[in-house]
Protein backbone atom coordinates (compact mmCIF):
# COMPACT_ATOMS: atom_id res chain seq x y z
CA MET A 1 223.85 208.39 185.52
CA ALA A 2 225.69 205.27 184.42
CA ASP A 3 228.81 205.59 182.30
CA ILE A 4 227.78 202.58 180.19
CA HIS A 5 224.21 201.69 179.21
CA PHE A 6 223.24 199.46 176.29
CA LEU A 7 221.29 196.40 175.15
CA GLY A 8 223.20 193.56 173.52
CA PRO A 9 223.09 189.79 173.03
CA LEU A 10 224.87 187.23 175.19
CA VAL A 11 227.23 185.41 172.79
CA ARG A 12 229.60 182.48 173.01
CA ARG A 13 233.20 183.15 171.99
CA GLY A 14 235.18 179.93 172.12
CA ASN A 15 235.11 178.69 175.70
CA TYR A 16 233.48 181.75 177.26
CA TYR A 17 230.27 183.75 177.13
CA CYS A 18 230.23 187.51 176.86
CA VAL A 19 228.34 190.67 176.01
CA GLU A 20 230.20 192.95 173.61
CA PHE A 21 229.86 196.71 173.91
CA PRO A 22 228.64 198.61 170.85
CA ARG A 23 231.50 200.47 169.16
CA PHE A 24 230.06 203.90 170.04
CA VAL A 25 230.03 202.95 173.75
CA SER A 26 233.65 201.74 173.71
CA SER A 27 234.77 204.85 171.83
CA GLU A 28 233.32 207.04 174.60
CA LEU A 29 235.38 205.16 177.21
CA ASP A 30 238.57 206.53 175.62
CA SER A 31 240.56 203.43 176.59
CA HIS A 32 241.99 200.43 174.80
CA ALA A 33 242.82 198.69 178.08
CA ARG A 34 240.92 196.69 180.67
CA ILE A 35 238.45 198.75 182.66
CA LYS A 36 236.99 197.85 186.06
CA VAL A 37 233.20 198.18 186.04
CA LYS A 38 230.32 197.81 188.48
CA GLY A 39 226.55 197.92 187.92
CA THR A 40 223.80 195.61 186.75
CA ILE A 41 223.15 192.98 184.11
CA ASN A 42 219.39 192.52 183.55
CA GLY A 43 218.87 194.12 186.95
CA GLY A 44 221.26 191.78 188.82
CA ASP A 45 224.42 193.07 190.50
CA PHE A 46 227.61 192.78 188.48
CA GLU A 47 231.20 193.71 189.25
CA GLY A 48 234.02 192.79 186.90
CA THR A 49 236.26 193.90 184.08
CA ALA A 50 235.52 195.16 180.59
CA PHE A 51 238.20 193.74 178.30
CA SER A 52 239.35 195.33 175.05
CA THR A 53 238.81 193.24 171.92
CA GLY A 54 241.77 194.93 170.24
CA GLU A 55 239.37 195.99 167.48
CA GLY A 56 237.92 199.13 169.06
CA THR A 57 235.31 197.55 171.33
CA HIS A 58 235.12 196.02 174.81
CA PHE A 59 233.31 193.04 176.28
CA ILE A 60 232.39 191.64 179.68
CA MET A 61 232.51 187.93 180.41
CA ILE A 62 229.44 186.30 181.95
CA ASN A 63 230.42 183.08 183.76
CA ALA A 64 228.16 180.06 184.28
CA GLN A 65 227.22 181.12 187.81
CA LEU A 66 226.00 184.53 186.62
CA ARG A 67 224.21 183.06 183.59
CA GLN A 68 222.34 180.70 185.89
CA LYS A 69 221.65 183.38 188.54
CA PHE A 70 220.28 185.84 185.96
CA GLY A 71 218.61 183.13 183.81
CA LEU A 72 220.55 184.12 180.68
CA GLU A 73 220.63 182.08 177.47
CA VAL A 74 222.89 182.49 174.42
CA GLU A 75 221.63 185.17 172.00
CA GLU A 76 219.30 186.59 174.67
CA GLU A 77 219.24 190.39 174.76
CA VAL A 78 220.91 191.67 177.94
CA VAL A 79 220.44 195.10 179.55
CA VAL A 80 223.85 196.35 180.66
CA ILE A 81 224.11 199.34 183.02
CA LEU A 82 227.61 199.93 184.36
CA ASP A 83 229.84 202.58 185.88
CA VAL A 84 233.59 202.70 185.44
CA VAL A 85 235.22 202.02 188.81
CA ASN A 86 237.93 204.53 189.67
CA ASP A 87 240.76 202.66 191.46
CA ASN A 88 241.46 205.72 193.64
CA GLU A 89 237.85 205.86 194.86
CA LYS A 90 237.85 202.15 195.63
CA GLY A 91 241.16 202.52 197.48
CA ASN A 92 239.77 205.45 199.45
CA GLU A 93 236.69 203.40 200.44
CA LYS A 94 238.94 200.59 201.67
CA ILE A 95 241.10 202.98 203.69
CA ALA A 96 238.00 204.66 205.14
CA SER A 97 236.52 201.31 206.20
CA GLN A 98 239.78 200.29 207.84
CA THR A 99 240.32 203.59 209.67
CA GLY A 100 236.74 204.69 210.28
CA LYS A 101 237.44 207.94 208.41
CA ASN A 102 235.57 209.21 205.36
CA THR A 103 238.72 209.92 203.33
CA PRO A 104 242.45 209.32 203.82
CA SER A 105 242.94 213.05 204.56
CA ASP A 106 240.36 213.15 207.43
């Protein structure tokens, strides 16, 4: 099951576009820092960073390429399904792919 799952609008904040996490979702993350995430936005693959707003919530930026790819417009409701990426797991996958082993201890 995904760590993060919600529906929210695509909004413009200054020079960038983003989807802000509901406060209850951010509070469950137990972090006020940037968090690496991977999953889907409206069913399309997404990998990036959830940034803290400094006000108890997080947001993900959606660049022009992704907006075009997913057909997203400002104020459109977006289905966000993400998992928090554990840096250790990602590092282990990289080591395994380089060595042909399943884990660094194999």
